[in-house]
Amino acid sequence: MIKNKHILEELDNQFILGKGRLSYDEALRLFEAMWIEAKNMGIVPLKDPMEGIDVDIRIARILNSCSKTSSRR
């Protein structure tokens, strides 16, 4: 849930205007805030990080084969 909508809108506007380069400190603060939010939502850490890996591998194989065949044309 977004608590400060105006802050998010300002961030979006800065990126749209090309001011989107973040300093290391800003990027780290943003990452930490998103990590804490994900932890509070119960998304991370994953209970089983390998869950669904077979599907990911299958999709990666399909996408990789498509990109190889399309580049040969």
PDB file of N, CA and C in Angstrom:
ATOM      1  N   MET A   1       0.842  -1.174   0.000  1.00  0.00           N
ATOM      2  CA  MET A   1       0.000   0.000   0.000  1.00  0.00           C
ATOM      3  C   MET A   1       0.891   1.242   0.000  1.00  0.00           C
ATOM      4  N   ILE A   2       0.555   2.181  -0.831  1.00  0.00           N
ATOM      5  CA  ILE A   2       1.317   3.420  -0.928  1.00  0.00           C
ATOM      6  C   ILE A   2       0.750   4.405   0.076  1.00  0.00           C
ATOM      7  N   LYS A   3       1.620   4.850   0.995  1.00  0.00           N
ATOM      8  CA  LYS A   3       1.173   5.767   2.041  1.00  0.00           C
ATOM      9  C   LYS A   3       1.338   7.221   1.620  1.00  0.00           C
ATOM     10  N   ASN A   4       2.418   7.526   0.915  1.00  0.00           N
ATOM     11  CA  ASN A   4       2.690   8.900   0.500  1.00  0.00           C
ATOM     12  C   ASN A   4       2.651   8.988  -1.021  1.00  0.00           C
ATOM     13  N   LYS A   5       1.458   9.106  -1.550  1.00  0.00           N
ATOM     14  CA  LYS A   5       1.264   9.109  -2.993  1.00  0.00           C
ATOM     15  C   LYS A   5       2.014  10.262  -3.653  1.00  0.00           C
ATOM     16  N   HIS A   6       2.056  11.404  -3.013  1.00  0.00           N
ATOM     17  CA  HIS A   6       2.711  12.565  -3.616  1.00  0.00           C
ATOM     18  C   HIS A   6       4.219  12.348  -3.766  1.00  0.00           C
ATOM     19  N   ILE A   7       4.835  11.607  -2.862  1.00  0.00           N
ATOM     20  CA  ILE A   7       6.266  11.315  -2.975  1.00  0.00           C
ATOM     21  C   ILE A   7       6.516  10.412  -4.179  1.00  0.00           C
ATOM     22  N   LEU A   8       5.668   9.417  -4.373  1.00  0.00           N
ATOM     23  CA  LEU A   8       5.802   8.520  -5.518  1.00  0.00           C
ATOM     24  C   LEU A   8       5.598   9.279  -6.825  1.00  0.00           C
ATOM     25  N   GLU A   9       4.622  10.156  -6.862  1.00  0.00           N
ATOM     26  CA  GLU A   9       4.373  10.939  -8.073  1.00  0.00           C
ATOM     27  C   GLU A   9       5.556  11.847  -8.387  1.00  0.00           C
ATOM     28  N   GLU A  10       6.146  12.439  -7.358  1.00  0.00           N
ATOM     29  CA  GLU A  10       7.317  13.296  -7.564  1.00  0.00           C
ATOM     30  C   GLU A  10       8.495  12.486  -8.102  1.00  0.00           C
ATOM     31  N   LEU A  11       8.692  11.288  -7.570  1.00  0.00           N
ATOM     32  CA  LEU A  11       9.754  10.412  -8.053  1.00  0.00           C
ATOM     33  C   LEU A  11       9.519  10.047  -9.518  1.00  0.00           C
ATOM     34  N   ASP A  12       8.282   9.701  -9.863  1.00  0.00           N
ATOM     35  CA  ASP A  12       7.947   9.396 -11.260  1.00  0.00           C
ATOM     36  C   ASP A  12       8.237  10.587 -12.164  1.00  0.00           C
ATOM     37  N   ASN A  13       7.849  11.773 -11.735  1.00  0.00           N
ATOM     38  CA  ASN A  13       8.073  12.970 -12.542  1.00  0.00           C
ATOM     39  C   ASN A  13       9.555  13.241 -12.740  1.00  0.00           C
ATOM     40  N   GLN A  14      10.371  13.016 -11.727  1.00  0.00           N
ATOM     41  CA  GLN A  14      11.813  13.224 -11.855  1.00  0.00           C
ATOM     42  C   GLN A  14      12.399  12.272 -12.888  1.00  0.00           C
ATOM     43  N   PHE A  15      11.958  11.033 -12.889  1.00  0.00           N
ATOM     44  CA  PHE A  15      12.460  10.075 -13.868  1.00  0.00           C
ATOM     45  C   PHE A  15      11.991  10.432 -15.270  1.00  0.00           C
ATOM     46  N   ILE A  16      10.764  10.891 -15.393  1.00  0.00           N
ATOM     47  CA  ILE A  16      10.234  11.264 -16.702  1.00  0.00           C
ATOM     48  C   ILE A  16      11.014  12.448 -17.259  1.00  0.00           C
ATOM     49  N   LEU A  17      11.394  13.384 -16.415  1.00  0.00           N
ATOM     50  CA  LEU A  17      12.123  14.569 -16.853  1.00  0.00           C
ATOM     51  C   LEU A  17      13.616  14.305 -17.038  1.00  0.00           C
ATOM     52  N   GLY A  18      14.063  13.095 -16.811  1.00  0.00           N
ATOM     53  CA  GLY A  18      15.467  12.765 -17.022  1.00  0.00           C
ATOM     54  C   GLY A  18      16.353  13.020 -15.821  1.00  0.00           C
ATOM     55  N   LYS A  19      15.752  13.296 -14.682  1.00  0.00           N
ATOM     56  CA  LYS A  19      16.535  13.520 -13.473  1.00  0.00           C
ATOM     57  C   LYS A  19      16.649  12.230 -12.672  1.00  0.00           C
ATOM     58  N   GLY A  20      16.516  11.119 -13.342  1.00  0.00           N
ATOM     59  CA  GLY A  20      16.399   9.835 -12.677  1.00  0.00           C
ATOM     60  C   GLY A  20      17.675   9.211 -12.165  1.00  0.00           C
ATOM     61  N   ARG A  21      18.815   9.847 -12.344  1.00  0.00           N
ATOM     62  CA  ARG A  21      20.058   9.279 -11.848  1.00  0.00           C
ATOM     63  C   ARG A  21      20.096   9.414 -10.331  1.00  0.00           C
ATOM     64  N   LEU A  22      20.218   8.278  -9.664  1.00  0.00           N
ATOM     65  CA  LEU A  22      20.282   8.280  -8.210  1.00  0.00           C
ATOM     66  C   LEU A  22      21.726   8.152  -7.768  1.00  0.00           C
ATOM     67  N   SER A  23      22.047   8.811  -6.688  1.00  0.00           N
ATOM     68  CA  SER A  23      23.365   8.607  -6.100  1.00  0.00           C
ATOM     69  C   SER A  23      23.367   7.236  -5.432  1.00  0.00           C
ATOM     70  N   TYR A  24      24.553   6.778  -5.078  1.00  0.00           N
ATOM     71  CA  TYR A  24      24.657   5.477  -4.417  1.00  0.00           C
ATOM     72  C   TYR A  24      23.846   5.470  -3.128  1.00  0.00           C
ATOM     73  N   ASP A  25      23.955   6.541  -2.345  1.00  0.00           N
ATOM     74  CA  ASP A  25      23.231   6.612  -1.069  1.00  0.00           C
ATOM     75  C   ASP A  25      21.719   6.593  -1.278  1.00  0.00           C
ATOM     76  N   GLU A  26      21.247   7.328  -2.284  1.00  0.00           N
ATOM     77  CA  GLU A  26      19.809   7.341  -2.568  1.00  0.00           C
ATOM     78  C   GLU A  26      19.331   5.961  -3.015  1.00  0.00           C
ATOM     79  N   ALA A  27      20.115   5.320  -3.877  1.00  0.00           N
ATOM     80  CA  ALA A  27      19.741   3.989  -4.360  1.00  0.00           C
ATOM     81  C   ALA A  27      19.725   2.985  -3.216  1.00  0.00           C
ATOM     82  N   LEU A  28      20.690   3.087  -2.319  1.00  0.00           N
ATOM     83  CA  LEU A  28      20.751   2.177  -1.178  1.00  0.00           C
ATOM     84  C   LEU A  28      19.556   2.387  -0.250  1.00  0.00           C
ATOM     85  N   ARG A  29      19.209   3.640   0.009  1.00  0.00           N
ATOM     86  CA  ARG A  29      18.037   3.928   0.852  1.00  0.00           C
ATOM     87  C   ARG A  29      16.765   3.384   0.210  1.00  0.00           C
ATOM     88  N   LEU A  30      16.643   3.547  -1.097  1.00  0.00           N
ATOM     89  CA  LEU A  30      15.472   3.046  -1.812  1.00  0.00           C
ATOM     90  C   LEU A  30      15.409   1.524  -1.734  1.00  0.00           C
ATOM     91  N   PHE A  31      16.543   0.859  -1.958  1.00  0.00           N
ATOM     92  CA  PHE A  31      16.586  -0.598  -1.886  1.00  0.00           C
ATOM     93  C   PHE A  31      16.218  -1.085  -0.490  1.00  0.00           C
ATOM     94  N   GLU A  32      16.792  -0.450   0.534  1.00  0.00           N
ATOM     95  CA  GLU A  32      16.506  -0.871   1.909  1.00  0.00           C
ATOM     96  C   GLU A  32      15.032  -0.682   2.248  1.00  0.00           C
ATOM     97  N   ALA A  33      14.453   0.409   1.801  1.00  0.00           N
ATOM     98  CA  ALA A  33      13.032   0.654   2.070  1.00  0.00           C
ATOM     99  C   ALA A  33      12.157  -0.389   1.371  1.00  0.00           C
ATOM    100  N   MET A  34      12.520  -0.732   0.129  1.00  0.00           N
ATOM    101  CA  MET A  34      11.737  -1.748  -0.584  1.00  0.00           C
ATOM    102  C   MET A  34      11.928  -3.115   0.051  1.00  0.00           C
ATOM    103  N   TRP A  35      13.135  -3.405   0.545  1.00  0.00           N
ATOM    104  CA  TRP A  35      13.392  -4.692   1.209  1.00  0.00           C
ATOM    105  C   TRP A  35      12.550  -4.805   2.477  1.00  0.00           C
ATOM    106  N   ILE A  36      12.519  -3.743   3.275  1.00  0.00           N
ATOM    107  CA  ILE A  36      11.732  -3.741   4.511  1.00  0.00           C
ATOM    108  C   ILE A  36      10.249  -3.911   4.189  1.00  0.00           C
ATOM    109  N   GLU A  37       9.788  -3.232   3.151  1.00  0.00           N
ATOM    110  CA  GLU A  37       8.385  -3.348   2.741  1.00  0.00           C
ATOM    111  C   GLU A  37       8.067  -4.779   2.320  1.00  0.00           C
ATOM    112  N   ALA A  38       8.969  -5.396   1.559  1.00  0.00           N
ATOM    113  CA  ALA A  38       8.757  -6.782   1.122  1.00  0.00           C
ATOM    114  C   ALA A  38       8.763  -7.731   2.317  1.00  0.00           C
ATOM    115  N   LYS A  39       9.631  -7.490   3.290  1.00  0.00           N
ATOM    116  CA  LYS A  39       9.652  -8.327   4.496  1.00  0.00           C
ATOM    117  C   LYS A  39       8.351  -8.179   5.268  1.00  0.00           C
ATOM    118  N   ASN A  40       7.866  -6.954   5.392  1.00  0.00           N
ATOM    119  CA  ASN A  40       6.612  -6.718   6.106  1.00  0.00           C
ATOM    120  C   ASN A  40       5.426  -7.389   5.413  1.00  0.00           C
ATOM    121  N   MET A  41       5.507  -7.508   4.095  1.00  0.00           N
ATOM    122  CA  MET A  41       4.439  -8.157   3.337  1.00  0.00           C
ATOM    123  C   MET A  41       4.598  -9.673   3.312  1.00  0.00           C
ATOM    124  N   GLY A  42       5.715 -10.174   3.813  1.00  0.00           N
ATOM    125  CA  GLY A  42       5.946 -11.613   3.848  1.00  0.00           C
ATOM    126  C   GLY A  42       6.443 -12.196   2.539  1.00  0.00           C
ATOM    127  N   ILE A  43       6.936 -11.341   1.655  1.00  0.00           N
ATOM    128  CA  ILE A  43       7.407 -11.802   0.352  1.00  0.00           C
ATOM    129  C   ILE A  43       8.838 -12.325   0.439  1.00  0.00           C
ATOM    130  N   VAL A  44       9.683 -11.678   1.200  1.00  0.00           N
ATOM    131  CA  VAL A  44      11.078 -12.113   1.394  1.00  0.00           C
ATOM    132  C   VAL A  44      11.321 -12.265   2.880  1.00  0.00           C
ATOM    133  N   PRO A  45      12.199 -13.099   3.303  1.00  0.00           N
ATOM    134  CA  PRO A  45      12.925 -14.078   2.501  1.00  0.00           C
ATOM    135  C   PRO A  45      11.993 -15.206   2.082  1.00  0.00           C
ATOM    136  N   LEU A  46      12.322 -15.798   0.956  1.00  0.00           N
ATOM    137  CA  LEU A  46      11.500 -16.890   0.434  1.00  0.00           C
ATOM    138  C   LEU A  46      11.614 -18.109   1.333  1.00  0.00           C
ATOM    139  N   LYS A  47      10.496 -18.780   1.534  1.00  0.00           N
ATOM    140  CA  LYS A  47      10.521 -20.000   2.352  1.00  0.00           C
ATOM    141  C   LYS A  47      11.321 -21.088   1.655  1.00  0.00           C
ATOM    142  N   ASP A  48      11.108 -21.222   0.352  1.00  0.00           N
ATOM    143  CA  ASP A  48      11.853 -22.201  -0.445  1.00  0.00           C
ATOM    144  C   ASP A  48      12.311 -21.505  -1.723  1.00  0.00           C
ATOM    145  N   PRO A  49      13.543 -21.001  -1.754  1.00  0.00           N
ATOM    146  CA  PRO A  49      14.005 -20.243  -2.916  1.00  0.00           C
ATOM    147  C   PRO A  49      14.046 -21.052  -4.210  1.00  0.00           C
ATOM    148  N   MET A  50      14.072 -22.379  -4.106  1.00  0.00           N
ATOM    149  CA  MET A  50      14.125 -23.218  -5.306  1.00  0.00           C
ATOM    150  C   MET A  50      12.733 -23.566  -5.840  1.00  0.00           C
ATOM    151  N   GLU A  51      11.699 -23.144  -5.135  1.00  0.00           N
ATOM    152  CA  GLU A  51      10.337 -23.439  -5.577  1.00  0.00           C
ATOM    153  C   GLU A  51      10.069 -22.758  -6.918  1.00  0.00           C
ATOM    154  N   GLY A  52       9.637 -23.528  -7.880  1.00  0.00           N
ATOM    155  CA  GLY A  52       9.314 -22.995  -9.197  1.00  0.00           C
ATOM    156  C   GLY A  52      10.507 -22.826 -10.119  1.00  0.00           C
ATOM    157  N   ILE A  53      11.689 -23.275  -9.692  1.00  0.00           N
ATOM    158  CA  ILE A  53      12.882 -23.095 -10.523  1.00  0.00           C
ATOM    159  C   ILE A  53      12.766 -23.867 -11.831  1.00  0.00           C
ATOM    160  N   ASP A  54      12.073 -25.008 -11.805  1.00  0.00           N
ATOM    161  CA  ASP A  54      11.924 -25.805 -13.028  1.00  0.00           C
ATOM    162  C   ASP A  54      11.156 -25.031 -14.098  1.00  0.00           C
ATOM    163  N   VAL A  55      10.159 -24.283 -13.679  1.00  0.00           N
ATOM    164  CA  VAL A  55       9.388 -23.466 -14.625  1.00  0.00           C
ATOM    165  C   VAL A  55      10.267 -22.348 -15.177  1.00  0.00           C
ATOM    166  N   ASP A  56      11.041 -21.703 -14.308  1.00  0.00           N
ATOM    167  CA  ASP A  56      11.936 -20.632 -14.750  1.00  0.00           C
ATOM    168  C   ASP A  56      12.949 -21.141 -15.766  1.00  0.00           C
ATOM    169  N   ILE A  57      13.502 -22.324 -15.515  1.00  0.00           N
ATOM    170  CA  ILE A  57      14.488 -22.902 -16.433  1.00  0.00           C
ATOM    171  C   ILE A  57      13.840 -23.218 -17.779  1.00  0.00           C
ATOM    172  N   ARG A  58      12.642 -23.775 -17.743  1.00  0.00           N
ATOM    173  CA  ARG A  58      11.940 -24.093 -18.988  1.00  0.00           C
ATOM    174  C   ARG A  58      11.652 -22.830 -19.804  1.00  0.00           C
ATOM    175  N   ILE A  59      11.197 -21.789 -19.146  1.00  0.00           N
ATOM    176  CA  ILE A  59      10.915 -20.524 -19.841  1.00  0.00           C
ATOM    177  C   ILE A  59      12.196 -19.939 -20.416  1.00  0.00           C
ATOM    178  N   ALA A  60      13.289 -19.979 -19.648  1.00  0.00           N
ATOM    179  CA  ALA A  60      14.570 -19.456 -20.128  1.00  0.00           C
ATOM    180  C   ALA A  60      15.043 -20.208 -21.363  1.00  0.00           C
ATOM    181  N   ARG A  61      14.894 -21.526 -21.361  1.00  0.00           N
ATOM    182  CA  ARG A  61      15.296 -22.323 -22.531  1.00  0.00           C
ATOM    183  C   ARG A  61      14.479 -21.936 -23.765  1.00  0.00           C
ATOM    184  N   ILE A  62      13.186 -21.760 -23.579  1.00  0.00           N
ATOM    185  CA  ILE A  62      12.326 -21.386 -24.706  1.00  0.00           C
ATOM    186  C   ILE A  62      12.717 -20.009 -25.240  1.00  0.00           C
ATOM    187  N   LEU A  63      12.889 -19.042 -24.343  1.00  0.00           N
ATOM    188  CA  LEU A  63      13.250 -17.691 -24.774  1.00  0.00           C
ATOM    189  C   LEU A  63      14.612 -17.663 -25.449  1.00  0.00           C
ATOM    190  N   ASN A  64      15.568 -18.396 -24.906  1.00  0.00           N
ATOM    191  CA  ASN A  64      16.904 -18.429 -25.502  1.00  0.00           C
ATOM    192  C   ASN A  64      16.873 -19.070 -26.881  1.00  0.00           C
ATOM    193  N   SER A  65      16.078 -20.109 -27.053  1.00  0.00           N
ATOM    194  CA  SER A  65      16.005 -20.746 -28.373  1.00  0.00           C
ATOM    195  C   SER A  65      15.325 -19.822 -29.380  1.00  0.00           C
ATOM    196  N   CYS A  66      14.344 -19.053 -28.944  1.00  0.00           N
ATOM    197  CA  CYS A  66      13.666 -18.116 -29.844  1.00  0.00           C
ATOM    198  C   CYS A  66      14.614 -17.012 -30.290  1.00  0.00           C
ATOM    199  N   SER A  67      15.399 -16.492 -29.383  1.00  0.00           N
ATOM    200  CA  SER A  67      16.299 -15.397 -29.741  1.00  0.00           C
ATOM    201  C   SER A  67      17.402 -15.881 -30.673  1.00  0.00           C
ATOM    202  N   LYS A  68      17.834 -17.139 -30.538  1.00  0.00           N
ATOM    203  CA  LYS A  68      18.877 -17.676 -31.420  1.00  0.00           C
ATOM    204  C   LYS A  68      18.338 -17.886 -32.827  1.00  0.00           C
ATOM    205  N   THR A  69      17.115 -18.389 -32.940  1.00  0.00           N
ATOM    206  CA  THR A  69      16.561 -18.641 -34.271  1.00  0.00           C
ATOM    207  C   THR A  69      16.168 -17.348 -34.965  1.00  0.00           C
ATOM    208  N   SER A  70      15.721 -16.352 -34.234  1.00  0.00           N
ATOM    209  CA  SER A  70      15.313 -15.096 -34.867  1.00  0.00           C
ATOM    210  C   SER A  70      16.520 -14.285 -35.321  1.00  0.00           C
ATOM    211  N   SER A  71      17.668 -14.453 -34.677  1.00  0.00           N
ATOM    212  CA  SER A  71      18.849 -13.687 -35.073  1.00  0.00           C
ATOM    213  C   SER A  71      19.513 -14.271 -36.315  1.00  0.00           C
ATOM    214  N   ARG A  72      19.159 -15.492 -36.696  1.00  0.00           N
ATOM    215  CA  ARG A  72      19.747 -16.131 -37.880  1.00  0.00           C
ATOM    216  C   ARG A  72      19.100 -15.652 -39.169  1.00  0.00           C
ATOM    217  N   ARG A  73      17.957 -15.025 -39.081  1.00  0.00           N
ATOM    218  CA  ARG A  73      17.221 -14.600 -40.283  1.00  0.00           C
ATOM    219  C   ARG A  73      17.859 -13.423 -40.943  1.00  0.00           C
TER     220      ARG A  73
END
